[in-house]
N, C-alpha and C. Protein backbone atom coordinates (compact mmCIF):
# COMPACT_ATOMS: atom_id res chain seq x y z
N MET A 1 143.22 97.88 140.28
CA MET A 1 142.04 98.72 140.19
C MET A 1 141.89 99.30 138.78
N ALA A 2 142.99 99.77 138.24
CA ALA A 2 142.96 100.37 136.91
C ALA A 2 142.60 99.32 135.85
N VAL A 3 143.12 98.12 136.00
CA VAL A 3 142.84 97.05 135.03
C VAL A 3 141.36 96.67 135.10
N THR A 4 140.79 96.61 136.30
CA THR A 4 139.37 96.29 136.45
C THR A 4 138.51 97.36 135.81
N LEU A 5 138.84 98.61 136.06
CA LEU A 5 138.09 99.72 135.47
C LEU A 5 138.19 99.69 133.94
N LEU A 6 139.38 99.41 133.42
CA LEU A 6 139.56 99.32 131.98
C LEU A 6 138.73 98.17 131.40
N GLY A 7 138.68 97.04 132.10
CA GLY A 7 137.88 95.90 131.64
C GLY A 7 136.40 96.22 131.60
N LEU A 8 135.90 96.92 132.61
CA LEU A 8 134.49 97.31 132.63
C LEU A 8 134.16 98.29 131.50
N LEU A 9 135.02 99.26 131.31
CA LEU A 9 134.78 100.24 130.26
C LEU A 9 134.84 99.60 128.87
N ALA A 10 135.76 98.68 128.66
CA ALA A 10 135.87 98.01 127.37
C ALA A 10 134.64 97.15 127.10
N THR A 11 134.12 96.50 128.14
CA THR A 11 132.93 95.66 127.98
C THR A 11 131.71 96.51 127.62
N VAL A 12 131.52 97.60 128.33
CA VAL A 12 130.39 98.48 128.06
C VAL A 12 130.51 99.09 126.67
N HIS A 13 131.70 99.51 126.32
CA HIS A 13 131.92 100.10 125.00
C HIS A 13 131.64 99.08 123.89
N SER A 14 132.05 97.85 124.09
CA SER A 14 131.82 96.80 123.09
C SER A 14 130.33 96.53 122.92
N ALA A 15 129.59 96.51 124.00
CA ALA A 15 128.14 96.25 123.91
C ALA A 15 127.44 97.38 123.15
N VAL A 16 127.80 98.61 123.43
CA VAL A 16 127.19 99.75 122.75
C VAL A 16 127.56 99.74 121.26
N THR A 17 128.80 99.44 120.97
CA THR A 17 129.25 99.39 119.58
C THR A 17 128.51 98.29 118.81
N LEU A 18 128.29 97.15 119.43
CA LEU A 18 127.57 96.05 118.79
C LEU A 18 126.12 96.44 118.51
N GLN A 19 125.46 97.08 119.46
CA GLN A 19 124.08 97.54 119.24
C GLN A 19 124.02 98.55 118.09
N TYR A 20 124.99 99.44 118.04
CA TYR A 20 125.03 100.42 116.96
C TYR A 20 125.21 99.73 115.61
N ALA A 21 126.09 98.75 115.54
CA ALA A 21 126.33 98.03 114.28
C ALA A 21 125.09 97.29 113.81
N VAL A 22 124.35 96.66 114.72
CA VAL A 22 123.13 95.95 114.37
C VAL A 22 122.09 96.91 113.83
N ARG A 23 121.92 98.04 114.48
CA ARG A 23 120.94 99.03 114.02
C ARG A 23 121.36 99.65 112.69
N ALA A 24 122.63 99.91 112.51
CA ALA A 24 123.11 100.49 111.25
C ALA A 24 122.88 99.52 110.10
N ARG A 25 123.07 98.24 110.35
CA ARG A 25 122.84 97.24 109.29
C ARG A 25 121.35 97.17 108.94
N ALA A 26 120.48 97.23 109.94
CA ALA A 26 119.03 97.20 109.68
C ALA A 26 118.61 98.42 108.87
N VAL A 27 119.15 99.58 109.19
CA VAL A 27 118.82 100.80 108.44
C VAL A 27 119.34 100.71 107.01
N ALA A 28 120.55 100.19 106.83
CA ALA A 28 121.11 100.06 105.49
C ALA A 28 120.28 99.09 104.64
N THR A 29 119.79 98.02 105.24
CA THR A 29 118.94 97.08 104.51
C THR A 29 117.63 97.75 104.11
N GLY A 30 117.07 98.55 104.99
CA GLY A 30 115.84 99.28 104.68
C GLY A 30 116.04 100.28 103.55
N VAL A 31 117.17 100.95 103.54
CA VAL A 31 117.47 101.90 102.47
C VAL A 31 117.62 101.18 101.14
N ASP A 32 118.32 100.05 101.14
CA ASP A 32 118.49 99.28 99.91
C ASP A 32 117.16 98.70 99.43
N ARG A 33 116.31 98.29 100.34
CA ARG A 33 114.98 97.77 99.99
C ARG A 33 114.16 98.88 99.32
N ALA A 34 114.17 100.06 99.91
CA ALA A 34 113.43 101.19 99.32
C ALA A 34 113.99 101.55 97.95
N ALA A 35 115.30 101.46 97.78
CA ALA A 35 115.91 101.75 96.48
C ALA A 35 115.49 100.72 95.44
N ALA A 36 115.41 99.45 95.83
CA ALA A 36 114.99 98.40 94.89
C ALA A 36 113.54 98.61 94.47
N LEU A 37 112.68 98.97 95.42
CA LEU A 37 111.27 99.21 95.10
C LEU A 37 111.12 100.43 94.19
N SER A 38 111.80 101.49 94.51
CA SER A 38 111.71 102.72 93.71
C SER A 38 112.25 102.50 92.30
N THR A 39 113.35 101.77 92.19
CA THR A 39 113.92 101.48 90.89
C THR A 39 112.96 100.67 90.03
N ALA A 40 112.31 99.67 90.64
CA ALA A 40 111.37 98.84 89.89
C ALA A 40 110.17 99.66 89.39
N VAL A 41 109.64 100.52 90.24
CA VAL A 41 108.50 101.35 89.83
C VAL A 41 108.92 102.30 88.71
N ASP A 42 110.06 102.95 88.87
CA ASP A 42 110.53 103.88 87.84
C ASP A 42 110.79 103.16 86.52
N LEU A 43 111.36 101.97 86.60
CA LEU A 43 111.67 101.21 85.39
C LEU A 43 110.42 100.85 84.61
N TYR A 44 109.42 100.30 85.30
CA TYR A 44 108.24 99.82 84.59
C TYR A 44 107.18 100.90 84.35
N ALA A 45 107.32 102.06 84.96
CA ALA A 45 106.42 103.17 84.66
C ALA A 45 106.82 103.86 83.36
N THR A 46 108.09 103.71 82.96
CA THR A 46 108.59 104.41 81.78
C THR A 46 109.06 103.49 80.67
N ARG A 47 109.15 102.22 80.92
CA ARG A 47 109.67 101.26 79.92
C ARG A 47 108.67 101.07 78.79
N PRO A 48 109.14 100.91 77.56
CA PRO A 48 108.22 100.65 76.44
C PRO A 48 107.44 99.35 76.66
N LEU A 49 106.21 99.33 76.19
CA LEU A 49 105.33 98.18 76.43
C LEU A 49 105.89 96.89 75.84
N ALA A 50 106.56 96.96 74.71
CA ALA A 50 107.15 95.76 74.11
C ALA A 50 108.25 95.19 75.00
N ALA A 51 109.02 96.06 75.63
CA ALA A 51 110.08 95.60 76.53
C ALA A 51 109.50 94.97 77.79
N ILE A 52 108.38 95.50 78.27
CA ILE A 52 107.72 94.91 79.44
C ILE A 52 107.24 93.51 79.11
N ALA A 53 106.67 93.34 77.93
CA ALA A 53 106.21 92.01 77.52
C ALA A 53 107.37 91.03 77.44
N THR A 54 108.52 91.50 76.96
CA THR A 54 109.71 90.65 76.90
C THR A 54 110.19 90.27 78.30
N ASP A 55 110.16 91.22 79.23
CA ASP A 55 110.58 90.94 80.61
C ASP A 55 109.68 89.92 81.29
N ALA A 56 108.40 89.91 80.94
CA ALA A 56 107.44 89.03 81.59
C ALA A 56 107.47 87.60 81.03
N GLU A 57 108.15 87.39 79.91
CA GLU A 57 108.20 86.06 79.31
C GLU A 57 109.04 85.10 80.15
N GLY A 58 108.70 83.82 80.09
CA GLY A 58 109.49 82.78 80.75
C GLY A 58 109.54 82.89 82.26
N GLY A 59 108.46 83.26 82.88
CA GLY A 59 108.44 83.41 84.33
C GLY A 59 108.75 84.81 84.79
N GLY A 60 109.48 85.56 83.99
CA GLY A 60 109.72 86.96 84.25
C GLY A 60 110.61 87.29 85.43
N CYS A 61 111.44 86.36 85.91
CA CYS A 61 112.29 86.64 87.07
C CYS A 61 113.72 86.92 86.65
N THR A 62 114.30 87.94 87.27
CA THR A 62 115.67 88.34 87.01
C THR A 62 116.37 88.58 88.33
N ARG A 63 117.59 88.08 88.48
CA ARG A 63 118.39 88.34 89.68
C ARG A 63 119.02 89.72 89.54
N VAL A 64 118.80 90.58 90.52
CA VAL A 64 119.33 91.95 90.51
C VAL A 64 120.51 92.00 91.47
N THR A 65 121.69 92.33 90.94
CA THR A 65 122.91 92.36 91.76
C THR A 65 123.50 93.76 91.87
N ILE A 66 122.77 94.76 91.41
CA ILE A 66 123.30 96.12 91.45
C ILE A 66 123.41 96.66 92.89
N LEU A 67 122.59 96.11 93.80
CA LEU A 67 122.68 96.46 95.23
C LEU A 67 123.29 95.26 95.95
N PRO A 68 124.61 95.21 96.12
CA PRO A 68 125.25 94.01 96.66
C PRO A 68 124.81 93.64 98.07
N ARG A 69 124.36 94.60 98.87
CA ARG A 69 123.89 94.27 100.22
C ARG A 69 122.45 93.80 100.23
N TYR A 70 121.74 93.95 99.11
CA TYR A 70 120.33 93.56 99.02
C TYR A 70 120.11 92.81 97.71
N LEU A 71 120.71 91.64 97.61
CA LEU A 71 120.50 90.82 96.43
C LEU A 71 119.06 90.35 96.42
N HIS A 72 118.42 90.44 95.24
CA HIS A 72 117.01 90.06 95.16
C HIS A 72 116.65 89.64 93.75
N ASP A 73 115.54 88.94 93.66
CA ASP A 73 114.97 88.56 92.37
C ASP A 73 113.79 89.49 92.10
N ARG A 74 113.73 90.02 90.87
CA ARG A 74 112.61 90.87 90.47
C ARG A 74 111.79 90.08 89.45
N CYS A 75 110.57 89.73 89.85
CA CYS A 75 109.68 88.95 89.00
C CYS A 75 108.58 89.86 88.46
N VAL A 76 108.32 89.77 87.16
CA VAL A 76 107.37 90.65 86.49
C VAL A 76 106.31 89.82 85.79
N SER A 77 105.05 90.21 85.95
CA SER A 77 103.95 89.62 85.19
C SER A 77 103.00 90.74 84.80
N THR A 78 102.24 90.51 83.74
CA THR A 78 101.31 91.54 83.26
C THR A 78 99.91 90.98 83.13
N THR A 79 98.93 91.85 83.36
CA THR A 79 97.52 91.54 83.13
C THR A 79 96.88 92.78 82.51
N SER A 80 95.71 92.59 81.95
CA SER A 80 94.95 93.71 81.39
C SER A 80 93.58 93.74 82.03
N PRO A 81 93.42 94.51 83.14
CA PRO A 81 92.12 94.56 83.80
C PRO A 81 91.03 95.19 82.95
N THR A 82 91.42 96.11 82.07
CA THR A 82 90.50 96.72 81.10
C THR A 82 91.23 96.79 79.76
N PRO A 83 90.51 96.99 78.67
CA PRO A 83 91.19 97.08 77.38
C PRO A 83 92.16 98.26 77.26
N ALA A 84 92.03 99.25 78.13
CA ALA A 84 92.88 100.44 78.03
C ALA A 84 94.02 100.47 79.04
N ILE A 85 94.12 99.45 79.90
CA ILE A 85 95.13 99.46 80.96
C ILE A 85 95.94 98.17 80.94
N LEU A 86 97.24 98.32 81.08
CA LEU A 86 98.14 97.19 81.28
C LEU A 86 98.64 97.28 82.71
N ARG A 87 98.40 96.27 83.50
CA ARG A 87 98.85 96.25 84.90
C ARG A 87 100.11 95.39 84.98
N VAL A 88 101.18 96.00 85.46
CA VAL A 88 102.45 95.31 85.63
C VAL A 88 102.58 94.99 87.12
N ARG A 89 102.69 93.70 87.43
CA ARG A 89 102.85 93.25 88.82
C ARG A 89 104.31 92.88 89.02
N ILE A 90 104.94 93.50 90.01
CA ILE A 90 106.36 93.31 90.28
C ILE A 90 106.51 92.72 91.67
N ILE A 91 107.24 91.63 91.77
CA ILE A 91 107.53 91.04 93.08
C ILE A 91 109.03 91.15 93.31
N ILE A 92 109.41 91.79 94.40
CA ILE A 92 110.80 91.90 94.81
C ILE A 92 111.00 90.84 95.90
N ARG A 93 111.77 89.80 95.57
CA ARG A 93 111.97 88.68 96.50
C ARG A 93 113.45 88.65 96.90
N PRO A 94 113.78 89.07 98.15
CA PRO A 94 115.18 89.06 98.58
C PRO A 94 115.74 87.64 98.63
N VAL A 95 117.04 87.53 98.36
CA VAL A 95 117.71 86.24 98.44
C VAL A 95 117.79 85.78 99.89
N ASP A 96 117.96 86.71 100.81
CA ASP A 96 118.01 86.39 102.24
C ASP A 96 116.62 85.95 102.71
N PRO A 97 116.47 84.70 103.18
CA PRO A 97 115.14 84.23 103.58
C PRO A 97 114.59 84.92 104.83
N ALA A 98 115.40 85.65 105.55
CA ALA A 98 114.92 86.37 106.73
C ALA A 98 114.12 87.61 106.35
N LEU A 99 114.24 88.06 105.11
CA LEU A 99 113.53 89.26 104.65
C LEU A 99 112.31 88.85 103.84
N ARG A 100 111.25 89.62 103.98
CA ARG A 100 109.99 89.29 103.30
C ARG A 100 109.96 89.89 101.89
N PRO A 101 109.24 89.23 100.97
CA PRO A 101 109.09 89.80 99.62
C PRO A 101 108.09 90.94 99.61
N ASP A 102 108.21 91.80 98.62
CA ASP A 102 107.29 92.93 98.44
C ASP A 102 106.66 92.81 97.06
N THR A 103 105.39 93.23 96.96
CA THR A 103 104.67 93.20 95.69
C THR A 103 104.21 94.61 95.35
N LEU A 104 104.44 95.00 94.10
CA LEU A 104 104.05 96.31 93.60
C LEU A 104 103.21 96.13 92.34
N SER A 105 102.37 97.10 92.06
CA SER A 105 101.61 97.12 90.81
C SER A 105 101.75 98.49 90.18
N VAL A 106 102.00 98.49 88.87
CA VAL A 106 102.10 99.73 88.11
C VAL A 106 101.08 99.63 86.99
N ASP A 107 100.17 100.57 86.91
CA ASP A 107 99.18 100.60 85.83
C ASP A 107 99.67 101.52 84.72
N ARG A 108 99.65 100.99 83.50
CA ARG A 108 100.07 101.75 82.33
C ARG A 108 98.89 101.87 81.39
N GLY A 109 98.65 103.05 80.89
CA GLY A 109 97.61 103.25 79.89
C GLY A 109 98.10 102.78 78.54
N LEU A 110 97.24 102.08 77.82
CA LEU A 110 97.60 101.62 76.49
C LEU A 110 97.23 102.69 75.47
N ALA A 111 98.15 102.96 74.56
CA ALA A 111 97.90 103.97 73.53
C ALA A 111 96.92 103.44 72.50
N ALA A 112 96.16 104.33 71.92
CA ALA A 112 95.20 103.94 70.88
C ALA A 112 95.95 103.45 69.65
N ALA A 113 95.33 102.54 68.90
CA ALA A 113 95.95 102.01 67.69
C ALA A 113 96.23 103.14 66.71
N GLY A 114 97.42 103.13 66.12
CA GLY A 114 97.80 104.17 65.19
C GLY A 114 98.42 105.38 65.84
N SER A 115 98.48 105.41 67.16
CA SER A 115 99.07 106.53 67.89
C SER A 115 100.60 106.45 67.80
N LEU A 116 101.25 107.58 67.98
CA LEU A 116 102.72 107.59 68.02
C LEU A 116 103.25 106.78 69.19
N PHE A 117 102.43 106.60 70.22
CA PHE A 117 102.87 105.94 71.45
C PHE A 117 102.51 104.48 71.51
N SER A 118 101.90 103.92 70.46
CA SER A 118 101.50 102.50 70.49
C SER A 118 102.66 101.60 70.14
């Protein structure tokens, strides 16, 4: 009787533990995804325009390994919708094919010619 009860309790405990582990992994992936998106926006909102142009050259894709649980490629391209705005388009493409890519846009104002910020 005791062995049967122990077997039932161990089975139920294992099932609950497995569900918890699956949910914890999904939450951790979501946190890492949000960190990758936030990092990309912060990087290209403050990066010098010359450095952005360098990042966008040659396809503009870089493998980001700083988040080991969320390996991804960060692809950057630029357009100028108006003469005063540089639009930086960032695609975060996870290495894991089960996860979907995300696209962000950051608009940067271009400094006037002769300005300290040009």
